[in-house]
Each structure stands twice: as structure tokens, then as C-alpha cells.
Amino acid sequence: MGGELVLFTMKSCPYCTMMKDMLTENNISFHDRDIDLYPDEFELFVEAVGGNEYVPSFMIIKTDEKGNLDSELYAPDQHYHGIDEGIEIIKKKLILD
């Protein structure tokens, strides 16, 4: 079914760099939202996931058959543990669904 991937990152975060590199290696496109440049967006994300402020965090946005938007939010140590697990979730949700 596919969808859009929004990745919340920080320039100084080595895990963010690793995730972006792995996404690129897997030919998965994403919208990089540096939380220093888009703090208001990240604040809304943090509130939605119950206060988890860790990065890299991501959101998968899909449109259903009727044109309705649906989003799924993922924060490290809450929804996934380790970059590899995060990448597998992204692959499953974007490629296999």
C-alpha cells in the first residue's frame, strides 16, 4: 500500500545518522525533520506518544481507499529497540502493507 515516512532527527545524534543511512541503503525515501528546525512539530509528536522525546522517532502516514489519512507514531525505547528494529518496522509498514 505504501505511505510517507517522516523522520524526526537531530544533527548531533549518531543514531539518527545511522537510521538515515540505513533508509537510504534500503531505497526508502523519507522526510527529514530536524527537531531543532521544527520544534513545534516535534512537540506535537512527543505529546502524542506520551512524552517520549528520544530520536530518531518517526511517523508513517498513509491514505486509505476512501482518501482518509492515517498515521502511526514510533518512538525509540517505546515502540522499537535499536535502529535495525526501527528499519524493519518501516519496511513492513511501507513496503509490505
N, C-alpha and C. Protein backbone atom coordinates (compact mmCIF):
# COMPACT_ATOMS: atom_id res chain seq x y z
N MET A 1 0.82 -1.20 0.00
CA MET A 1 0.00 0.00 0.00
C MET A 1 0.86 1.25 0.00
N GLY A 2 1.99 1.25 0.69
CA GLY A 2 2.89 2.39 0.70
C GLY A 2 2.46 3.46 1.68
N GLY A 3 3.16 4.58 1.63
CA GLY A 3 2.88 5.69 2.50
C GLY A 3 4.05 6.63 2.53
N GLU A 4 4.00 7.59 3.41
CA GLU A 4 5.06 8.58 3.59
C GLU A 4 5.71 8.37 4.94
N LEU A 5 7.02 8.55 4.98
CA LEU A 5 7.77 8.42 6.22
C LEU A 5 8.31 9.78 6.61
N VAL A 6 8.00 10.21 7.83
CA VAL A 6 8.54 11.44 8.40
C VAL A 6 9.46 11.01 9.54
N LEU A 7 10.72 11.42 9.44
CA LEU A 7 11.74 11.03 10.42
C LEU A 7 12.15 12.26 11.22
N PHE A 8 12.00 12.20 12.54
CA PHE A 8 12.42 13.29 13.42
C PHE A 8 13.84 12.99 13.89
N THR A 9 14.75 13.92 13.63
CA THR A 9 16.17 13.71 13.91
C THR A 9 16.79 14.96 14.54
N MET A 10 18.06 14.80 14.95
CA MET A 10 18.91 15.91 15.38
C MET A 10 20.25 15.76 14.68
N LYS A 11 20.87 16.86 14.32
CA LYS A 11 22.17 16.80 13.64
C LYS A 11 23.23 16.09 14.48
N SER A 12 23.20 16.28 15.78
CA SER A 12 24.24 15.73 16.65
C SER A 12 23.97 14.29 17.10
N CYS A 13 22.94 13.66 16.57
CA CYS A 13 22.54 12.32 17.01
C CYS A 13 23.13 11.25 16.10
N PRO A 14 24.06 10.43 16.60
CA PRO A 14 24.65 9.38 15.77
C PRO A 14 23.63 8.32 15.36
N TYR A 15 22.64 8.06 16.20
CA TYR A 15 21.60 7.08 15.85
C TYR A 15 20.74 7.58 14.70
N CYS A 16 20.50 8.88 14.68
CA CYS A 16 19.74 9.48 13.58
C CYS A 16 20.50 9.32 12.26
N THR A 17 21.80 9.56 12.31
CA THR A 17 22.62 9.40 11.11
C THR A 17 22.60 7.95 10.64
N MET A 18 22.71 7.01 11.58
CA MET A 18 22.67 5.60 11.21
C MET A 18 21.33 5.24 10.57
N MET A 19 20.23 5.72 11.14
CA MET A 19 18.92 5.39 10.59
C MET A 19 18.77 5.99 9.20
N LYS A 20 19.17 7.23 9.01
CA LYS A 20 19.07 7.87 7.69
C LYS A 20 19.91 7.10 6.67
N ASP A 21 21.13 6.69 7.06
CA ASP A 21 22.00 5.92 6.16
C ASP A 21 21.35 4.59 5.79
N MET A 22 20.76 3.90 6.78
CA MET A 22 20.13 2.60 6.50
C MET A 22 18.89 2.76 5.62
N LEU A 23 18.13 3.82 5.83
CA LEU A 23 16.97 4.07 4.97
C LEU A 23 17.42 4.31 3.53
N THR A 24 18.47 5.09 3.39
CA THR A 24 19.00 5.38 2.05
C THR A 24 19.51 4.10 1.40
N GLU A 25 20.24 3.27 2.15
CA GLU A 25 20.75 2.00 1.63
C GLU A 25 19.62 1.08 1.18
N ASN A 26 18.47 1.16 1.85
CA ASN A 26 17.31 0.33 1.53
C ASN A 26 16.36 1.00 0.54
N ASN A 27 16.80 2.12 -0.05
CA ASN A 27 15.99 2.86 -1.02
C ASN A 27 14.62 3.24 -0.48
N ILE A 28 14.59 3.65 0.77
CA ILE A 28 13.34 4.09 1.40
C ILE A 28 13.41 5.61 1.53
N SER A 29 12.50 6.29 0.87
CA SER A 29 12.50 7.75 0.93
C SER A 29 11.85 8.21 2.24
N PHE A 30 12.29 9.37 2.70
CA PHE A 30 11.77 9.91 3.95
C PHE A 30 11.88 11.42 3.94
N HIS A 31 11.08 12.04 4.79
CA HIS A 31 11.13 13.48 5.01
C HIS A 31 11.86 13.67 6.34
N ASP A 32 13.01 14.28 6.29
CA ASP A 32 13.82 14.51 7.49
C ASP A 32 13.39 15.80 8.15
N ARG A 33 12.95 15.69 9.41
CA ARG A 33 12.52 16.86 10.17
C ARG A 33 13.43 17.02 11.38
N ASP A 34 14.45 17.86 11.22
CA ASP A 34 15.38 18.16 12.31
C ASP A 34 14.60 18.88 13.42
N ILE A 35 14.62 18.32 14.62
CA ILE A 35 13.78 18.87 15.69
C ILE A 35 14.25 20.26 16.13
N ASP A 36 15.49 20.64 15.81
CA ASP A 36 15.94 21.99 16.12
C ASP A 36 15.31 23.00 15.15
N LEU A 37 14.98 22.56 13.95
CA LEU A 37 14.36 23.44 12.95
C LEU A 37 12.83 23.39 13.01
N TYR A 38 12.28 22.27 13.51
CA TYR A 38 10.82 22.08 13.56
C TYR A 38 10.38 21.67 14.97
N PRO A 39 10.70 22.49 15.97
CA PRO A 39 10.38 22.10 17.35
C PRO A 39 8.89 21.96 17.62
N ASP A 40 8.06 22.78 16.99
CA ASP A 40 6.61 22.71 17.23
C ASP A 40 6.04 21.37 16.75
N GLU A 41 6.49 20.91 15.58
CA GLU A 41 6.05 19.61 15.06
C GLU A 41 6.46 18.49 16.02
N PHE A 42 7.71 18.56 16.48
CA PHE A 42 8.20 17.51 17.36
C PHE A 42 7.47 17.54 18.70
N GLU A 43 7.13 18.72 19.19
CA GLU A 43 6.36 18.83 20.44
C GLU A 43 5.02 18.11 20.33
N LEU A 44 4.36 18.28 19.20
CA LEU A 44 3.08 17.60 18.97
C LEU A 44 3.28 16.08 18.94
N PHE A 45 4.36 15.64 18.29
CA PHE A 45 4.68 14.22 18.22
C PHE A 45 4.91 13.68 19.64
N VAL A 46 5.74 14.36 20.42
CA VAL A 46 6.07 13.92 21.78
C VAL A 46 4.81 13.82 22.63
N GLU A 47 3.94 14.79 22.51
CA GLU A 47 2.68 14.75 23.24
C GLU A 47 1.84 13.54 22.82
N ALA A 48 1.81 13.27 21.54
CA ALA A 48 1.00 12.16 21.02
C ALA A 48 1.52 10.80 21.47
N VAL A 49 2.84 10.67 21.68
CA VAL A 49 3.40 9.37 22.11
C VAL A 49 3.58 9.29 23.62
N GLY A 50 3.05 10.25 24.33
CA GLY A 50 3.08 10.17 25.79
C GLY A 50 4.33 10.68 26.44
N GLY A 51 5.04 11.59 25.78
CA GLY A 51 6.18 12.23 26.41
C GLY A 51 7.55 11.72 26.03
N ASN A 52 7.65 10.74 25.18
CA ASN A 52 8.95 10.21 24.76
C ASN A 52 9.63 11.20 23.81
N GLU A 53 10.77 11.78 24.25
CA GLU A 53 11.46 12.81 23.49
C GLU A 53 12.69 12.29 22.76
N TYR A 54 12.87 10.99 22.68
CA TYR A 54 14.07 10.44 22.05
C TYR A 54 13.96 10.46 20.53
N VAL A 55 15.11 10.58 19.89
CA VAL A 55 15.21 10.49 18.43
C VAL A 55 16.23 9.42 18.09
N PRO A 56 16.14 8.81 16.91
CA PRO A 56 15.20 9.11 15.86
C PRO A 56 13.81 8.52 16.14
N SER A 57 12.83 9.37 15.96
CA SER A 57 11.43 8.96 16.04
C SER A 57 10.85 9.09 14.65
N PHE A 58 9.77 8.38 14.40
CA PHE A 58 9.21 8.51 13.05
C PHE A 58 7.70 8.34 13.05
N MET A 59 7.13 8.84 11.95
CA MET A 59 5.70 8.77 11.73
C MET A 59 5.48 8.24 10.32
N ILE A 60 4.58 7.30 10.19
CA ILE A 60 4.21 6.76 8.89
C ILE A 60 2.79 7.25 8.59
N ILE A 61 2.65 7.92 7.47
CA ILE A 61 1.36 8.49 7.08
C ILE A 61 0.86 7.75 5.85
N LYS A 62 -0.35 7.25 5.93
CA LYS A 62 -0.96 6.51 4.82
C LYS A 62 -2.32 7.10 4.50
N THR A 63 -2.77 6.84 3.29
CA THR A 63 -4.11 7.21 2.85
C THR A 63 -4.85 5.92 2.54
N ASP A 64 -6.04 5.76 3.11
CA ASP A 64 -6.81 4.55 2.83
C ASP A 64 -7.57 4.67 1.51
N GLU A 65 -8.32 3.64 1.18
CA GLU A 65 -9.05 3.59 -0.10
C GLU A 65 -10.03 4.75 -0.25
N LYS A 66 -10.52 5.26 0.85
CA LYS A 66 -11.50 6.35 0.81
C LYS A 66 -10.85 7.73 0.85
N GLY A 67 -9.51 7.75 0.89
CA GLY A 67 -8.81 9.02 0.91
C GLY A 67 -8.57 9.60 2.30
N ASN A 68 -8.89 8.83 3.34
CA ASN A 68 -8.68 9.28 4.71
C ASN A 68 -7.22 9.09 5.12
N LEU A 69 -6.66 10.07 5.80
CA LEU A 69 -5.30 9.97 6.28
C LEU A 69 -5.26 9.20 7.60
N ASP A 70 -4.22 8.40 7.74
CA ASP A 70 -3.99 7.65 8.97
C ASP A 70 -2.50 7.74 9.26
N SER A 71 -2.15 7.92 10.53
CA SER A 71 -0.73 7.99 10.87
C SER A 71 -0.43 7.05 12.03
N GLU A 72 0.79 6.52 12.00
CA GLU A 72 1.28 5.68 13.08
C GLU A 72 2.57 6.30 13.58
N LEU A 73 2.71 6.40 14.90
CA LEU A 73 3.84 7.07 15.53
C LEU A 73 4.74 6.04 16.22
N TYR A 74 6.06 6.24 16.07
CA TYR A 74 7.02 5.30 16.65
C TYR A 74 8.17 6.08 17.30
N ALA A 75 8.39 5.81 18.59
CA ALA A 75 9.48 6.44 19.33
C ALA A 75 10.41 5.35 19.86
N PRO A 76 11.73 5.62 19.84
CA PRO A 76 12.67 4.62 20.34
C PRO A 76 12.46 4.32 21.83
N ASP A 77 12.77 3.10 22.19
CA ASP A 77 12.61 2.59 23.56
C ASP A 77 11.17 2.50 24.01
N GLN A 78 10.24 2.92 23.17
CA GLN A 78 8.83 2.79 23.47
C GLN A 78 8.16 1.86 22.46
N HIS A 79 8.45 2.06 21.19
CA HIS A 79 7.84 1.26 20.13
C HIS A 79 8.85 0.37 19.41
N TYR A 80 10.11 0.69 19.53
CA TYR A 80 11.16 -0.16 18.93
C TYR A 80 12.45 0.02 19.73
N HIS A 81 13.28 -1.02 19.67
CA HIS A 81 14.56 -1.01 20.38
C HIS A 81 15.66 -1.27 19.37
N GLY A 82 16.44 -0.26 19.11
CA GLY A 82 17.54 -0.40 18.16
C GLY A 82 17.13 0.02 16.75
N ILE A 83 18.10 0.55 16.04
CA ILE A 83 17.88 1.05 14.68
C ILE A 83 17.39 -0.05 13.75
N ASP A 84 17.97 -1.25 13.86
CA ASP A 84 17.57 -2.36 12.99
C ASP A 84 16.08 -2.67 13.13
N GLU A 85 15.60 -2.69 14.36
CA GLU A 85 14.17 -2.97 14.60
C GLU A 85 13.31 -1.85 14.02
N GLY A 86 13.74 -0.61 14.17
CA GLY A 86 13.01 0.51 13.59
C GLY A 86 12.92 0.41 12.08
N ILE A 87 14.03 0.04 11.44
CA ILE A 87 14.06 -0.12 9.98
C ILE A 87 13.11 -1.25 9.55
N GLU A 88 13.09 -2.34 10.29
CA GLU A 88 12.19 -3.45 9.96
C GLU A 88 10.73 -3.04 10.05
N ILE A 89 10.39 -2.24 11.05
CA ILE A 89 9.02 -1.73 11.18
C ILE A 89 8.68 -0.88 9.95
N ILE A 90 9.59 -0.01 9.59
CA ILE A 90 9.37 0.88 8.44
C ILE A 90 9.19 0.07 7.17
N LYS A 91 10.06 -0.91 6.95
CA LYS A 91 9.94 -1.76 5.76
C LYS A 91 8.58 -2.45 5.73
N LYS A 92 8.21 -3.03 6.86
CA LYS A 92 6.94 -3.76 6.93
C LYS A 92 5.76 -2.83 6.64
N LYS A 93 5.76 -1.67 7.25
CA LYS A 93 4.63 -0.75 7.12
C LYS A 93 4.58 -0.07 5.76
N LEU A 94 5.73 0.24 5.18
CA LEU A 94 5.75 0.97 3.90
C LEU A 94 5.77 0.07 2.68
N ILE A 95 6.41 -1.07 2.81
CA ILE A 95 6.60 -1.92 1.63
C ILE A 95 5.63 -3.08 1.61
N LEU A 96 5.42 -3.73 2.74
CA LEU A 96 4.63 -4.95 2.76
C LEU A 96 3.14 -4.72 2.94
N ASP A 97 2.77 -3.65 3.66
CA ASP A 97 1.34 -3.39 3.91
C ASP A 97 0.63 -3.01 2.63
